[in-house]
Amino acid sequence: MDARLAEAVKAPGSPRKKAAAAGPRKDAKKRPHAPVEDLERYLKVIVDSIDDDKGEDIVVIDLTGRASFADRMVIATGLADRQISAMSQHIDRKLTEAGLKRILVEGANGSDWVLIDAGDIVIHLFKAEARELYGLERMWGAELDDQDDGAVTTL
């Protein structure tokens, strides 16, 4: 048994906590990234769809090299639960038509926040109050990095 795993087995807690304590496996495969051309094409589909649905304050954050779960994050505001739900359905349909598979949507049944995982792009659709509360732009925005890197684009 690997020494790293042997130490994790001795640690108190559930199997999930033990796995987290052990850290990533050495043989774990890295997540494949989409080609930049596809990423930009999907990003355009997403932003255009939100804009068509009258989404407000659309922000695109470049996460390349800063996060392992995605290369881009899109954040937008909707005025009502129904509008946010419709925006998520339209994004899902348009990305599927554009050829993107495995789109996961969370919270589309009338909540203040809908999360769409489109692989290399993560989309957050908020009501204004929830967007202010969670402050993802502050968490991932350029003010945490060098001001000249252009990590956040407001559309």
Protein backbone atom coordinates (compact mmCIF):
# COMPACT_ATOMS: atom_id res chain seq x y z
CA MET A 1 0.00 0.00 0.00
CA ASP A 2 1.20 3.50 -0.83
CA ALA A 3 2.57 5.36 2.24
CA ARG A 4 0.21 8.26 1.51
CA LEU A 5 -2.79 5.92 1.60
CA ALA A 6 -1.53 4.14 4.72
CA GLU A 7 -1.49 7.46 6.59
CA ALA A 8 -4.94 8.38 5.31
CA VAL A 9 -6.40 5.05 6.48
CA LYS A 10 -5.19 5.79 10.03
CA ALA A 11 -6.84 9.22 10.00
CA PRO A 12 -10.21 9.48 11.79
CA GLY A 13 -13.34 10.07 9.76
CA SER A 14 -15.37 8.77 6.88
CA PRO A 15 -13.87 7.23 3.72
CA ARG A 16 -14.53 10.51 1.91
CA LYS A 17 -12.59 12.48 4.55
CA LYS A 18 -9.78 9.95 4.39
CA ALA A 19 -9.61 10.27 0.61
CA ALA A 20 -9.51 14.05 0.90
CA ALA A 21 -6.72 13.81 3.47
CA ALA A 22 -4.75 11.54 1.14
CA GLY A 23 -4.95 14.10 -1.66
CA PRO A 24 -5.15 13.45 -5.39
CA ARG A 25 -4.02 10.10 -6.69
CA LYS A 26 -0.74 10.05 -8.54
CA ASP A 27 -2.29 8.09 -11.41
CA ALA A 28 -5.38 10.32 -11.65
CA LYS A 29 -6.00 11.54 -15.16
CA LYS A 30 -6.14 15.26 -15.70
CA ARG A 31 -9.37 16.70 -17.02
CA PRO A 32 -9.08 17.21 -20.78
CA HIS A 33 -9.68 20.77 -21.94
CA ALA A 34 -11.62 21.77 -25.03
CA PRO A 35 -9.68 23.44 -27.84
CA VAL A 36 -9.61 27.23 -27.51
CA GLU A 37 -11.68 27.64 -30.69
CA ASP A 38 -14.48 25.48 -29.25
CA LEU A 39 -14.26 27.24 -25.90
CA GLU A 40 -14.69 30.65 -27.52
CA ARG A 41 -17.53 29.38 -29.73
CA TYR A 42 -19.40 27.96 -26.73
CA LEU A 43 -18.74 31.12 -24.76
CA LYS A 44 -20.27 33.20 -27.56
CA VAL A 45 -23.35 30.93 -27.63
CA ILE A 46 -23.75 31.37 -23.86
CA VAL A 47 -23.31 35.14 -23.79
CA ASP A 48 -25.56 35.66 -26.83
CA SER A 49 -28.26 33.46 -25.28
CA ILE A 50 -28.17 35.37 -21.98
CA ASP A 51 -28.26 38.67 -23.86
CA ASP A 52 -31.22 37.50 -25.99
CA ASP A 53 -33.08 36.61 -22.79
CA LYS A 54 -32.45 40.09 -21.35
CA GLY A 55 -29.97 38.91 -18.74
CA GLU A 56 -28.18 41.79 -17.03
CA ASP A 57 -24.60 42.50 -15.92
CA ILE A 58 -23.00 39.68 -17.89
CA VAL A 59 -19.44 39.06 -16.68
CA VAL A 60 -16.93 36.59 -18.12
CA ILE A 61 -14.01 35.63 -15.89
CA ASP A 62 -10.95 33.89 -17.32
CA LEU A 63 -9.98 31.09 -14.91
CA THR A 64 -7.21 29.61 -17.05
CA GLY A 65 -4.38 28.62 -14.74
CA ARG A 66 -6.34 29.74 -11.67
CA ALA A 67 -8.85 26.90 -11.28
CA SER A 68 -8.85 23.25 -12.24
CA PHE A 69 -12.63 22.92 -12.62
CA ALA A 70 -13.10 25.33 -15.56
CA ASP A 71 -11.37 27.78 -17.88
CA ARG A 72 -14.13 30.41 -17.94
CA MET A 73 -16.88 31.52 -15.59
CA VAL A 74 -19.92 33.44 -16.79
CA ILE A 75 -22.04 35.34 -14.27
CA ALA A 76 -25.31 37.08 -15.10
CA THR A 77 -28.37 38.46 -13.35
CA GLY A 78 -32.03 37.78 -14.04
CA LEU A 79 -34.96 39.67 -12.58
CA ALA A 80 -37.19 36.75 -11.61
CA ASP A 81 -37.04 33.00 -10.98
CA ARG A 82 -38.96 32.35 -14.18
CA GLN A 83 -36.51 34.39 -16.28
CA ILE A 84 -33.50 32.63 -14.74
CA SER A 85 -35.09 29.23 -15.36
CA ALA A 86 -35.82 30.15 -18.99
CA MET A 87 -32.26 31.43 -19.50
CA SER A 88 -30.85 28.14 -18.20
CA GLN A 89 -33.12 26.08 -20.47
CA HIS A 90 -32.16 28.17 -23.51
CA ILE A 91 -28.43 27.90 -22.74
CA ASP A 92 -28.76 24.13 -22.31
CA ARG A 93 -30.62 23.73 -25.62
CA LYS A 94 -28.29 26.04 -27.60
CA LEU A 95 -25.13 24.38 -26.27
CA THR A 96 -26.53 20.96 -27.13
CA GLU A 97 -27.30 22.22 -30.66
CA ALA A 98 -23.73 23.57 -30.86
CA GLY A 99 -22.43 20.06 -30.12
CA LEU A 100 -21.57 20.26 -26.43
CA LYS A 101 -22.49 17.15 -24.48
CA ARG A 102 -22.87 16.56 -20.74
CA ILE A 103 -24.33 19.84 -19.60
CA LEU A 104 -25.38 19.75 -15.95
CA VAL A 105 -27.96 22.20 -14.60
CA GLU A 106 -28.55 22.70 -10.86
CA GLY A 107 -31.27 24.81 -9.27
CA ALA A 108 -33.41 25.44 -12.37
CA ASN A 109 -36.65 24.77 -10.50
CA GLY A 110 -37.32 28.24 -9.18
CA SER A 111 -34.36 29.30 -7.10
CA ASP A 112 -32.30 32.46 -6.74
CA TRP A 113 -29.26 30.81 -8.31
CA VAL A 114 -28.87 28.41 -11.23
CA LEU A 115 -25.53 26.75 -11.88
CA ILE A 116 -24.77 25.31 -15.31
CA ASP A 117 -21.68 23.15 -15.67
CA ALA A 118 -20.73 23.10 -19.34
CA GLY A 119 -17.35 21.46 -18.87
CA ASP A 120 -14.72 24.14 -19.36
CA ILE A 121 -17.31 26.88 -18.80
CA VAL A 122 -19.31 27.34 -15.62
CA ILE A 123 -22.36 29.62 -15.78
CA HIS A 124 -23.99 31.24 -12.74
CA LEU A 125 -27.40 32.86 -13.19
CA PHE A 126 -28.48 34.86 -10.15
CA LYS A 127 -31.21 37.07 -8.89
CA ALA A 128 -29.64 40.41 -7.90
CA GLU A 129 -29.81 39.79 -4.14
CA ALA A 130 -28.18 36.35 -4.37
CA ARG A 131 -25.46 37.64 -6.70
CA GLU A 132 -24.57 40.35 -4.21
CA LEU A 133 -24.65 37.87 -1.32
CA TYR A 134 -22.30 35.32 -2.90
CA GLY A 135 -19.99 37.85 -4.55
CA LEU A 136 -18.34 35.53 -7.06
CA GLU A 137 -16.80 38.47 -8.94
CA ARG A 138 -15.02 39.50 -5.75
CA MET A 139 -13.89 35.93 -5.13
CA TRP A 140 -12.60 35.23 -8.65
CA GLY A 141 -12.15 38.72 -10.05
CA ALA A 142 -9.07 40.54 -11.24
CA GLU A 143 -8.66 42.54 -8.05
CA LEU A 144 -7.14 39.42 -6.51
CA ASP A 145 -4.63 39.19 -9.35
CA ASP A 146 -2.57 41.75 -11.19
CA GLN A 147 -4.83 44.51 -12.47
CA ASP A 148 -3.41 44.27 -16.00
CA ASP A 149 -4.19 40.61 -16.71
CA GLY A 150 -7.72 41.22 -18.04
CA ALA A 151 -9.21 38.28 -16.13
CA VAL A 152 -12.68 39.83 -15.89
CA THR A 153 -14.66 41.04 -18.88
CA THR A 154 -17.91 42.88 -18.29
CA LEU A 155 -20.26 42.82 -21.25
